[in-house]
C-alpha atoms as a PDB file:
ATOM      1  CA  MET A   1     104.262  97.319  64.303  1.00  0.00           C
ATOM      2  CA  ALA A   2     100.962  99.212  64.322  1.00  0.00           C
ATOM      3  CA  LYS A   3      97.836  97.186  64.720  1.00  0.00           C
ATOM      4  CA  GLU A   4      95.306  97.816  61.969  1.00  0.00           C
ATOM      5  CA  THR A   5      91.854  98.489  63.352  1.00  0.00           C
ATOM      6  CA  LYS A   6      88.819  97.810  61.258  1.00  0.00           C
ATOM      7  CA  ALA A   7      85.365  99.265  61.794  1.00  0.00           C
ATOM      8  CA  PRO A   8      82.751  96.612  62.510  1.00  0.00           C
ATOM      9  CA  ALA A   9      80.542  95.634  59.609  1.00  0.00           C
ATOM     10  CA  THR A  10      76.923  96.671  59.726  1.00  0.00           C
ATOM     11  CA  LEU A  11      74.477  93.827  59.479  1.00  0.00           C
ATOM     12  CA  ILE A  12      71.639  94.413  57.037  1.00  0.00           C
ATOM     13  CA  PRO A  13      68.572  92.421  58.104  1.00  0.00           C
ATOM     14  CA  PRO A  14      67.700  89.639  55.628  1.00  0.00           C
ATOM     15  CA  ASN A  15      64.391  91.310  54.686  1.00  0.00           C
ATOM     16  CA  GLU A  16      65.953  94.738  53.879  1.00  0.00           C
ATOM     17  CA  ALA A  17      67.616  96.323  50.840  1.00  0.00           C
ATOM     18  CA  ALA A  18      70.435  98.861  50.809  1.00  0.00           C
ATOM     19  CA  ILE A  19      72.980 100.677  48.704  1.00  0.00           C
ATOM     20  CA  VAL A  20      76.261 100.729  50.612  1.00  0.00           C
ATOM     21  CA  THR A  21      79.726 101.998  49.809  1.00  0.00           C
ATOM     22  CA  ALA A  22      82.555  99.547  49.336  1.00  0.00           C
ATOM     23  CA  SER A  23      86.315  99.654  48.667  1.00  0.00           C
ATOM     24  CA  ASN A  24      86.977 102.703  50.824  1.00  0.00           C
ATOM     25  CA  MET A  25      83.838 104.436  49.488  1.00  0.00           C
ATOM     26  CA  THR A  26      84.974 104.242  45.858  1.00  0.00           C
ATOM     27  CA  GLU A  27      82.316 101.736  44.787  1.00  0.00           C
ATOM     28  CA  LEU A  28      78.651 101.147  45.456  1.00  0.00           C
ATOM     29  CA  GLU A  29      77.260  97.783  46.426  1.00  0.00           C
ATOM     30  CA  LEU A  30      73.592  96.910  46.117  1.00  0.00           C
ATOM     31  CA  VAL A  31      72.253  94.511  48.743  1.00  0.00           C
ATOM     32  CA  LEU A  32      68.877  92.910  48.027  1.00  0.00           C
ATOM     33  CA  PRO A  33      66.989  90.314  50.046  1.00  0.00           C
ATOM     34  CA  ASP A  34      66.075  86.920  48.652  1.00  0.00           C
ATOM     35  CA  MET A  35      62.382  87.457  47.967  1.00  0.00           C
ATOM     36  CA  GLY A  36      61.745  84.000  46.537  1.00  0.00           C
ATOM     37  CA  ASP A  37      58.781  84.248  44.158  1.00  0.00           C
ATOM     38  CA  GLU A  38      57.614  87.622  45.526  1.00  0.00           C
ATOM     39  CA  ASP A  39      58.225  90.922  43.743  1.00  0.00           C
ATOM     40  CA  LEU A  40      60.547  93.504  45.272  1.00  0.00           C
ATOM     41  CA  PRO A  41      58.745  96.396  46.958  1.00  0.00           C
ATOM     42  CA  GLU A  42      58.716  99.696  45.062  1.00  0.00           C
ATOM     43  CA  ILE A  43      61.387 101.345  47.219  1.00  0.00           C
ATOM     44  CA  ALA A  44      63.801  98.456  46.633  1.00  0.00           C
ATOM     45  CA  ILE A  45      63.165  98.754  42.885  1.00  0.00           C
ATOM     46  CA  PHE A  46      64.039 102.456  43.219  1.00  0.00           C
ATOM     47  CA  LEU A  47      67.373 101.494  44.835  1.00  0.00           C
ATOM     48  CA  VAL A  48      68.064  99.120  41.944  1.00  0.00           C
ATOM     49  CA  ALA A  49      67.308 101.899  39.441  1.00  0.00           C
ATOM     50  CA  CYS A  50      69.668 104.286  41.279  1.00  0.00           C
ATOM     51  CA  ALA A  51      72.466 101.724  41.293  1.00  0.00           C
ATOM     52  CA  MET A  52      71.936 100.909  37.604  1.00  0.00           C
ATOM     53  CA  ARG A  53      72.000 104.610  36.657  1.00  0.00           C
ATOM     54  CA  PHE A  54      75.173 105.124  38.695  1.00  0.00           C
ATOM     55  CA  HIS A  55      76.968 102.289  36.907  1.00  0.00           C
ATOM     56  CA  SER A  56      75.709 103.135  33.416  1.00  0.00           C
ATOM     57  CA  ASP A  57      75.961 106.938  33.600  1.00  0.00           C
ATOM     58  CA  PRO A  58      78.258 108.224  36.369  1.00  0.00           C
ATOM     59  CA  GLY A  59      78.254 111.657  34.699  1.00  0.00           C
ATOM     60  CA  PHE A  60      74.530 111.999  35.391  1.00  0.00           C
ATOM     61  CA  VAL A  61      75.081 111.174  39.046  1.00  0.00           C
ATOM     62  CA  GLN A  62      77.837 113.803  39.243  1.00  0.00           C
ATOM     63  CA  GLU A  63      75.498 116.384  37.664  1.00  0.00           C
ATOM     64  CA  GLN A  64      72.841 115.586  40.260  1.00  0.00           C
ATOM     65  CA  LEU A  65      75.326 115.965  43.107  1.00  0.00           C
ATOM     66  CA  GLU A  66      76.469 119.318  41.727  1.00  0.00           C
ATOM     67  CA  TRP A  67      72.816 120.399  41.449  1.00  0.00           C
ATOM     68  CA  LEU A  68      72.256 119.494  45.107  1.00  0.00           C
ATOM     69  CA  VAL A  69      75.247 121.603  46.137  1.00  0.00           C
ATOM     70  CA  ARG A  70      73.971 124.567  44.080  1.00  0.00           C
ATOM     71  CA  MET A  71      70.495 124.277  45.619  1.00  0.00           C
ATOM     72  CA  HIS A  72      71.973 124.122  49.098  1.00  0.00           C
ATOM     73  CA  ASP A  73      74.178 127.146  48.418  1.00  0.00           C
ATOM     74  CA  THR A  74      71.291 129.260  47.070  1.00  0.00           C
ATOM     75  CA  GLU A  75      69.130 128.478  50.130  1.00  0.00           C
ATOM     76  CA  VAL A  76      65.875 128.506  48.198  1.00  0.00           C
ATOM     77  CA  ASP A  77      62.928 129.693  50.299  1.00  0.00           C
ATOM     78  CA  GLU A  78      60.535 126.770  50.388  1.00  0.00           C
ATOM     79  CA  GLY A  79      57.854 128.607  52.344  1.00  0.00           C
ATOM     80  CA  MET A  80      56.586 127.727  55.754  1.00  0.00           C
ATOM     81  CA  LYS A  81      57.294 124.436  57.443  1.00  0.00           C
ATOM     82  CA  PRO A  82      54.246 122.349  58.423  1.00  0.00           C
ATOM     83  CA  SER A  83      54.980 123.063  62.084  1.00  0.00           C
ATOM     84  CA  GLU A  84      54.706 126.798  61.364  1.00  0.00           C
ATOM     85  CA  LEU A  85      51.250 126.557  59.812  1.00  0.00           C
ATOM     86  CA  ASN A  86      48.114 127.334  61.756  1.00  0.00           C
ATOM     87  CA  SER A  87      44.644 128.702  61.068  1.00  0.00           C
ATOM     88  CA  SER A  88      45.806 132.326  61.489  1.00  0.00           C
ATOM     89  CA  ASN A  89      47.798 131.908  58.265  1.00  0.00           C
ATOM     90  CA  ASP A  90      44.675 131.195  56.201  1.00  0.00           C
ATOM     91  CA  ASP A  91      43.530 133.891  53.793  1.00  0.00           C
END
């Protein structure tokens, strides 16, 4: 009988938020901290919006993923990287 090995779970600190995959990466799970009476920070609200859009409009998410692949494949020239800039590049 083969022994089933399971990857260890990752602990998300109680003051952090995350979107994680579940059910063999077929579902998304949104993890939010208990903020009590405080509002969620803007980035956590962004994660909530992403998760809500995924569940309400999976077609949109698929379109965005396809767009990312197309942009990667076309290798759009985004100009110089900040590390490549110096005063000799000024006009």
